[in-house]
Amino acid sequence: MSALTAALIFLDLNGRDDIISYEPMEATVNKAALQKLKTVNWAKYPYTVILVPGNGPEEANTPIDPNGILRCRMAAVEYLKGMAPFIIVSGGKVHPYKTPYCEAEEMKRYLMHNLNIPESAIIMEPHARHTTTNMRNAVRLLYQYHFPADKAAVVLTDKSQSSSITNMAARCLRELQYVPYKLGKRLSDTEQEFYPVKEARQINATEPLDP
């Protein structure tokens, strides 16, 4: 039995089809945003996207963690100020174990229903399972959706995680074997510039839930 066959069997036995959830996203959860993308005048915005990493709740029956709500609110403020034309919400079905709730989906729902952010401004990245892959998967979408790669993006989150992202290169090298972004300016305690790098498109064959 090949390693790939074994991995697929184990994923099936555990009911883990997370990696194909919401696909094809261009025709489903990100369709409205990709229609808007065709009309964006990039000169009007300092950044391409505001990336918001997810935060899984501790309780099994809680769809969205209070910290996730705070991050959404912070991102909505900056979006409405014109920082970027899109918000990327990133995070899969991670915490607690086998939760039915996807961090990215719940953040998108909160942004739309509670903060009146239009669906066309929100891009879902519903597969990341770690802070490293929040960054990597968002960069992959920037390339896949043909965002300008020479224009900076911003990752916006709470102070603690933002500091970790600024100092995460060693962890990325350890877990991914490369750093999937290039840091820009530190804008505030909660905001960090970054640029996409092509290494992010490499697939991690040893991590079937988060390749």
C-alpha atoms as a PDB file:
ATOM      1  CA  MET A   1       0.000   0.000   0.000  1.00  0.00           C
ATOM      2  CA  SER A   2       1.396   3.408  -0.949  1.00  0.00           C
ATOM      3  CA  ALA A   3       1.693   6.236   1.578  1.00  0.00           C
ATOM      4  CA  LEU A   4      -0.900   8.216  -0.370  1.00  0.00           C
ATOM      5  CA  THR A   5      -3.418   5.359  -0.319  1.00  0.00           C
ATOM      6  CA  ALA A   6      -2.869   4.839   3.410  1.00  0.00           C
ATOM      7  CA  ALA A   7      -3.352   8.539   4.114  1.00  0.00           C
ATOM      8  CA  LEU A   8      -6.595   8.627   2.122  1.00  0.00           C
ATOM      9  CA  ILE A   9      -7.928   5.567   3.956  1.00  0.00           C
ATOM     10  CA  PHE A  10      -7.110   7.019   7.381  1.00  0.00           C
ATOM     11  CA  LEU A  11      -8.704  10.351   6.476  1.00  0.00           C
ATOM     12  CA  ASP A  12     -11.838   8.556   5.279  1.00  0.00           C
ATOM     13  CA  LEU A  13     -12.040   6.391   8.413  1.00  0.00           C
ATOM     14  CA  ASN A  14     -11.880   9.513  10.573  1.00  0.00           C
ATOM     15  CA  GLY A  15     -14.359  11.478   8.514  1.00  0.00           C
ATOM     16  CA  ARG A  16     -11.798  14.150   7.646  1.00  0.00           C
ATOM     17  CA  ASP A  17     -12.545  15.586   4.222  1.00  0.00           C
ATOM     18  CA  ASP A  18     -11.665  19.109   5.355  1.00  0.00           C
ATOM     19  CA  ILE A  19      -9.136  19.759   2.613  1.00  0.00           C
ATOM     20  CA  ILE A  20     -11.782  19.589  -0.127  1.00  0.00           C
ATOM     21  CA  SER A  21     -14.475  21.458   1.808  1.00  0.00           C
ATOM     22  CA  TYR A  22     -15.988  24.414  -0.064  1.00  0.00           C
ATOM     23  CA  GLU A  23     -14.172  23.535  -3.288  1.00  0.00           C
ATOM     24  CA  PRO A  24     -14.228  24.782  -5.961  1.00  0.00           C
ATOM     25  CA  MET A  25     -14.115  28.027  -3.960  1.00  0.00           C
ATOM     26  CA  GLU A  26     -13.989  30.169  -7.112  1.00  0.00           C
ATOM     27  CA  ALA A  27     -17.526  28.997  -7.873  1.00  0.00           C
ATOM     28  CA  THR A  28     -18.833  28.884  -4.299  1.00  0.00           C
ATOM     29  CA  VAL A  29     -17.725  30.853  -1.224  1.00  0.00           C
ATOM     30  CA  ASN A  30     -15.348  33.212  -3.074  1.00  0.00           C
ATOM     31  CA  LYS A  31     -17.366  33.730  -6.239  1.00  0.00           C
ATOM     32  CA  ALA A  32     -18.647  37.212  -5.309  1.00  0.00           C
ATOM     33  CA  ALA A  33     -15.187  38.432  -4.304  1.00  0.00           C
ATOM     34  CA  LEU A  34     -13.624  37.192  -7.535  1.00  0.00           C
ATOM     35  CA  GLN A  35     -16.215  39.087  -9.537  1.00  0.00           C
ATOM     36  CA  LYS A  36     -15.271  42.256  -7.641  1.00  0.00           C
ATOM     37  CA  LEU A  37     -11.555  41.523  -8.134  1.00  0.00           C
ATOM     38  CA  LYS A  38     -11.926  42.086 -11.883  1.00  0.00           C
ATOM     39  CA  THR A  39     -12.882  45.741 -11.310  1.00  0.00           C
ATOM     40  CA  VAL A  40     -10.477  46.834  -8.538  1.00  0.00           C
ATOM     41  CA  ASN A  41      -8.377  49.946  -9.092  1.00  0.00           C
ATOM     42  CA  TRP A  42      -5.329  48.987  -7.020  1.00  0.00           C
ATOM     43  CA  ALA A  43      -3.978  52.539  -7.002  1.00  0.00           C
ATOM     44  CA  LYS A  44      -6.819  53.500  -4.637  1.00  0.00           C
ATOM     45  CA  TYR A  45      -5.651  51.168  -1.862  1.00  0.00           C
ATOM     46  CA  PRO A  46      -2.432  50.945   0.170  1.00  0.00           C
ATOM     47  CA  TYR A  47      -2.803  47.149   0.550  1.00  0.00           C
ATOM     48  CA  THR A  48      -4.270  44.245  -1.381  1.00  0.00           C
ATOM     49  CA  VAL A  49      -5.989  42.432   1.496  1.00  0.00           C
ATOM     50  CA  ILE A  50      -6.469  42.432   5.240  1.00  0.00           C
ATOM     51  CA  LEU A  51      -5.769  38.893   6.468  1.00  0.00           C
ATOM     52  CA  VAL A  52      -7.602  37.834   9.634  1.00  0.00           C
ATOM     53  CA  PRO A  53      -6.425  34.520  11.181  1.00  0.00           C
ATOM     54  CA  GLY A  54      -9.055  32.453  12.948  1.00  0.00           C
ATOM     55  CA  ASN A  55      -9.286  31.567  16.617  1.00  0.00           C
ATOM     56  CA  GLY A  56     -11.038  28.330  17.500  1.00  0.00           C
ATOM     57  CA  PRO A  57     -13.452  28.438  20.454  1.00  0.00           C
ATOM     58  CA  GLU A  58     -12.886  26.239  23.498  1.00  0.00           C
ATOM     59  CA  GLU A  59     -16.510  25.084  23.784  1.00  0.00           C
ATOM     60  CA  ALA A  60     -17.847  22.509  21.321  1.00  0.00           C
ATOM     61  CA  ASN A  61     -21.163  24.298  20.748  1.00  0.00           C
ATOM     62  CA  THR A  62     -19.692  27.776  20.204  1.00  0.00           C
ATOM     63  CA  PRO A  63     -19.515  28.778  16.523  1.00  0.00           C
ATOM     64  CA  ILE A  64     -17.084  31.689  16.917  1.00  0.00           C
ATOM     65  CA  ASP A  65     -14.665  32.622  19.680  1.00  0.00           C
ATOM     66  CA  PRO A  66     -14.844  36.129  21.254  1.00  0.00           C
ATOM     67  CA  ASN A  67     -11.288  36.706  20.081  1.00  0.00           C
ATOM     68  CA  GLY A  68     -12.388  35.882  16.537  1.00  0.00           C
ATOM     69  CA  ILE A  69     -15.171  38.446  16.881  1.00  0.00           C
ATOM     70  CA  LEU A  70     -12.662  41.059  18.063  1.00  0.00           C
ATOM     71  CA  ARG A  71     -10.409  40.385  15.073  1.00  0.00           C
ATOM     72  CA  CYS A  72     -13.384  40.722  12.713  1.00  0.00           C
ATOM     73  CA  ARG A  73     -14.339  44.038  14.256  1.00  0.00           C
ATOM     74  CA  MET A  74     -10.798  45.351  13.959  1.00  0.00           C
ATOM     75  CA  ALA A  75     -10.621  44.280  10.312  1.00  0.00           C
ATOM     76  CA  ALA A  76     -14.002  45.838   9.508  1.00  0.00           C
ATOM     77  CA  VAL A  77     -12.836  49.205  10.852  1.00  0.00           C
ATOM     78  CA  GLU A  78      -9.744  49.171   8.642  1.00  0.00           C
ATOM     79  CA  TYR A  79     -11.671  47.925   5.608  1.00  0.00           C
ATOM     80  CA  LEU A  80     -14.178  50.767   5.960  1.00  0.00           C
ATOM     81  CA  LYS A  81     -11.277  53.232   6.184  1.00  0.00           C
ATOM     82  CA  GLY A  82     -10.108  51.987   2.773  1.00  0.00           C
ATOM     83  CA  MET A  83      -7.014  50.030   3.840  1.00  0.00           C
ATOM     84  CA  ALA A  84      -7.720  47.255   1.307  1.00  0.00           C
ATOM     85  CA  PRO A  85     -10.574  46.166  -0.984  1.00  0.00           C
ATOM     86  CA  PHE A  86     -10.755  42.662   0.536  1.00  0.00           C
ATOM     87  CA  ILE A  87     -10.662  40.858   3.871  1.00  0.00           C
ATOM     88  CA  ILE A  88      -9.329  37.285   3.893  1.00  0.00           C
ATOM     89  CA  VAL A  89     -10.655  35.219   6.787  1.00  0.00           C
ATOM     90  CA  SER A  90      -8.509  32.156   7.405  1.00  0.00           C
ATOM     91  CA  GLY A  91      -8.986  29.027   9.481  1.00  0.00           C
ATOM     92  CA  GLY A  92     -10.481  25.573   9.188  1.00  0.00           C
ATOM     93  CA  LYS A  93     -12.351  23.182  11.471  1.00  0.00           C
ATOM     94  CA  VAL A  94      -9.647  22.998  14.117  1.00  0.00           C
ATOM     95  CA  HIS A  95     -10.707  23.617  17.742  1.00  0.00           C
ATOM     96  CA  PRO A  96     -12.159  21.847  19.602  1.00  0.00           C
ATOM     97  CA  TYR A  97     -11.431  18.426  18.127  1.00  0.00           C
ATOM     98  CA  LYS A  98     -13.849  17.509  15.303  1.00  0.00           C
ATOM     99  CA  THR A  99     -15.768  20.762  15.657  1.00  0.00           C
ATOM    100  CA  PRO A 100     -18.468  21.231  12.997  1.00  0.00           C
ATOM    101  CA  TYR A 101     -17.635  24.928  12.802  1.00  0.00           C
ATOM    102  CA  CYS A 102     -15.147  26.363  10.325  1.00  0.00           C
ATOM    103  CA  GLU A 103     -13.337  29.446  11.626  1.00  0.00           C
ATOM    104  CA  ALA A 104     -13.270  31.188   8.236  1.00  0.00           C
ATOM    105  CA  GLU A 105     -16.950  30.513   7.527  1.00  0.00           C
ATOM    106  CA  GLU A 106     -18.053  31.784  10.945  1.00  0.00           C
ATOM    107  CA  MET A 107     -15.928  34.924  10.628  1.00  0.00           C
ATOM    108  CA  LYS A 108     -17.351  35.595   7.168  1.00  0.00           C
ATOM    109  CA  ARG A 109     -20.860  35.150   8.549  1.00  0.00           C
ATOM    110  CA  TYR A 110     -20.132  37.562  11.415  1.00  0.00           C
ATOM    111  CA  LEU A 111     -18.619  40.178   9.110  1.00  0.00           C
ATOM    112  CA  MET A 112     -21.638  40.043   6.814  1.00  0.00           C
ATOM    113  CA  HIS A 113     -24.503  39.693   9.272  1.00  0.00           C
ATOM    114  CA  ASN A 114     -23.207  41.671  12.243  1.00  0.00           C
ATOM    115  CA  LEU A 115     -20.907  44.246  10.656  1.00  0.00           C
ATOM    116  CA  ASN A 116     -22.572  44.719   7.244  1.00  0.00           C
ATOM    117  CA  ILE A 117     -19.421  43.965   5.241  1.00  0.00           C
ATOM    118  CA  PRO A 118     -20.497  42.886   1.722  1.00  0.00           C
ATOM    119  CA  GLU A 119     -19.831  39.316   0.639  1.00  0.00           C
ATOM    120  CA  SER A 120     -17.942  40.660  -2.379  1.00  0.00           C
ATOM    121  CA  ALA A 121     -15.288  42.039   0.003  1.00  0.00           C
ATOM    122  CA  ILE A 122     -14.646  38.751   1.836  1.00  0.00           C
ATOM    123  CA  ILE A 123     -12.418  35.887   0.721  1.00  0.00           C
ATOM    124  CA  MET A 124     -12.599  32.636   2.657  1.00  0.00           C
ATOM    125  CA  GLU A 125      -9.545  30.464   3.277  1.00  0.00           C
ATOM    126  CA  PRO A 126     -11.185  27.567   5.151  1.00  0.00           C
ATOM    127  CA  HIS A 127      -8.345  25.038   5.367  1.00  0.00           C
ATOM    128  CA  ALA A 128      -5.520  26.428   7.559  1.00  0.00           C
ATOM    129  CA  ARG A 129      -4.891  24.687  10.861  1.00  0.00           C
ATOM    130  CA  HIS A 130      -2.021  26.744  12.294  1.00  0.00           C
ATOM    131  CA  THR A 131      -0.782  30.336  12.256  1.00  0.00           C
ATOM    132  CA  THR A 132       1.948  29.280   9.822  1.00  0.00           C
ATOM    133  CA  THR A 133      -0.645  27.964   7.392  1.00  0.00           C
ATOM    134  CA  ASN A 134      -2.959  30.953   7.872  1.00  0.00           C
ATOM    135  CA  MET A 135      -0.124  32.917   6.308  1.00  0.00           C
ATOM    136  CA  ARG A 136       0.858  30.308   3.733  1.00  0.00           C
ATOM    137  CA  ASN A 137      -2.647  29.522   2.511  1.00  0.00           C
ATOM    138  CA  ALA A 138      -3.541  33.206   2.232  1.00  0.00           C
ATOM    139  CA  VAL A 139      -0.443  33.769   0.092  1.00  0.00           C
ATOM    140  CA  ARG A 140      -1.455  30.805  -2.075  1.00  0.00           C
ATOM    141  CA  LEU A 141      -4.830  32.451  -2.709  1.00  0.00           C
ATOM    142  CA  LEU A 142      -3.154  35.741  -3.598  1.00  0.00           C
ATOM    143  CA  TYR A 143      -1.251  33.912  -6.332  1.00  0.00           C
ATOM    144  CA  GLN A 144      -4.169  31.705  -7.374  1.00  0.00           C
ATOM    145  CA  TYR A 145      -6.524  34.670  -7.713  1.00  0.00           C
ATOM    146  CA  HIS A 146      -3.905  36.847  -9.471  1.00  0.00           C
ATOM    147  CA  PHE A 147      -3.527  39.612  -6.907  1.00  0.00           C
ATOM    148  CA  PRO A 148      -0.592  41.963  -7.578  1.00  0.00           C
ATOM    149  CA  ALA A 149       2.319  40.114  -5.951  1.00  0.00           C
ATOM    150  CA  ASP A 150       4.477  43.225  -5.638  1.00  0.00           C
ATOM    151  CA  LYS A 151       1.907  45.043  -3.489  1.00  0.00           C
ATOM    152  CA  ALA A 152       1.856  44.490   0.281  1.00  0.00           C
ATOM    153  CA  ALA A 153      -0.933  42.875   2.295  1.00  0.00           C
ATOM    154  CA  VAL A 154      -1.631  43.270   6.030  1.00  0.00           C
ATOM    155  CA  VAL A 155      -2.237  40.576   8.617  1.00  0.00           C
ATOM    156  CA  LEU A 156      -4.422  41.963  11.389  1.00  0.00           C
ATOM    157  CA  THR A 157      -4.976  40.105  14.652  1.00  0.00           C
ATOM    158  CA  ASP A 158      -4.623  40.469  18.419  1.00  0.00           C
ATOM    159  CA  LYS A 159      -1.382  41.804  19.880  1.00  0.00           C
ATOM    160  CA  SER A 160      -0.052  38.429  21.034  1.00  0.00           C
ATOM    161  CA  GLN A 161      -0.545  36.608  17.730  1.00  0.00           C
ATOM    162  CA  SER A 162       0.641  39.600  15.739  1.00  0.00           C
ATOM    163  CA  SER A 163       3.906  39.614  17.670  1.00  0.00           C
ATOM    164  CA  SER A 164       4.260  35.876  17.045  1.00  0.00           C
ATOM    165  CA  ILE A 165       3.782  36.360  13.298  1.00  0.00           C
ATOM    166  CA  THR A 166       6.472  39.033  13.211  1.00  0.00           C
ATOM    167  CA  ASN A 167       8.863  36.533  14.830  1.00  0.00           C
ATOM    168  CA  MET A 168       7.632  33.324  13.173  1.00  0.00           C
ATOM    169  CA  ALA A 169      10.339  32.664  10.572  1.00  0.00           C
ATOM    170  CA  ALA A 170      12.108  29.982  12.619  1.00  0.00           C
ATOM    171  CA  ARG A 171       8.827  28.167  13.264  1.00  0.00           C
ATOM    172  CA  CYS A 172       7.960  28.271   9.563  1.00  0.00           C
ATOM    173  CA  LEU A 173      11.338  26.784   8.669  1.00  0.00           C
ATOM    174  CA  ARG A 174      10.831  24.047  11.250  1.00  0.00           C
ATOM    175  CA  GLU A 175       7.261  23.154  10.294  1.00  0.00           C
ATOM    176  CA  LEU A 176       7.117  24.024   6.570  1.00  0.00           C
ATOM    177  CA  GLN A 177      10.816  24.058   5.591  1.00  0.00           C
ATOM    178  CA  TYR A 178      10.421  27.580   4.168  1.00  0.00           C
ATOM    179  CA  VAL A 179       8.961  30.984   5.101  1.00  0.00           C
ATOM    180  CA  PRO A 180       5.828  31.556   2.964  1.00  0.00           C
ATOM    181  CA  TYR A 181       5.896  35.374   3.087  1.00  0.00           C
ATOM    182  CA  LYS A 182       8.255  38.330   3.311  1.00  0.00           C
ATOM    183  CA  LEU A 183       7.687  40.794   6.143  1.00  0.00           C
ATOM    184  CA  GLY A 184       7.230  44.490   5.482  1.00  0.00           C
ATOM    185  CA  LYS A 185       6.730  47.285   7.982  1.00  0.00           C
ATOM    186  CA  ARG A 186       5.354  46.782  11.462  1.00  0.00           C
ATOM    187  CA  LEU A 187       2.334  49.099  11.409  1.00  0.00           C
ATOM    188  CA  SER A 188       1.075  48.700  14.985  1.00  0.00           C
ATOM    189  CA  ASP A 189       0.775  46.186  17.815  1.00  0.00           C
ATOM    190  CA  THR A 190      -1.924  44.421  15.799  1.00  0.00           C
ATOM    191  CA  GLU A 191      -0.932  45.013  12.155  1.00  0.00           C
ATOM    192  CA  GLN A 192       1.985  43.607  10.163  1.00  0.00           C
ATOM    193  CA  GLU A 193       2.746  44.159   6.480  1.00  0.00           C
ATOM    194  CA  PHE A 194       3.735  41.156   4.395  1.00  0.00           C
ATOM    195  CA  TYR A 195       4.395  40.244   0.781  1.00  0.00           C
ATOM    196  CA  PRO A 196       3.647  36.934  -0.978  1.00  0.00           C
ATOM    197  CA  VAL A 197       6.562  34.711  -1.961  1.00  0.00           C
ATOM    198  CA  LYS A 198       6.473  31.903  -4.506  1.00  0.00           C
ATOM    199  CA  GLU A 199       7.711  29.263  -2.034  1.00  0.00           C
ATOM    200  CA  ALA A 200       4.226  29.257  -0.480  1.00  0.00           C
ATOM    201  CA  ARG A 201       2.925  27.252  -3.439  1.00  0.00           C
ATOM    202  CA  GLN A 202       4.934  24.179  -2.409  1.00  0.00           C
ATOM    203  CA  ILE A 203       2.790  21.270  -1.224  1.00  0.00           C
ATOM    204  CA  ASN A 204       3.552  19.581   2.100  1.00  0.00           C
ATOM    205  CA  ALA A 205       3.228  15.874   1.306  1.00  0.00           C
ATOM    206  CA  THR A 206       3.613  14.896   4.983  1.00  0.00           C
ATOM    207  CA  GLU A 207       0.501  16.767   6.187  1.00  0.00           C
ATOM    208  CA  PRO A 208      -2.666  15.464   4.468  1.00  0.00           C
ATOM    209  CA  LEU A 209      -5.014  17.725   6.459  1.00  0.00           C
ATOM    210  CA  ASP A 210      -2.979  20.833   5.724  1.00  0.00           C
ATOM    211  CA  PRO A 211      -0.843  20.300   2.624  1.00  0.00           C
END
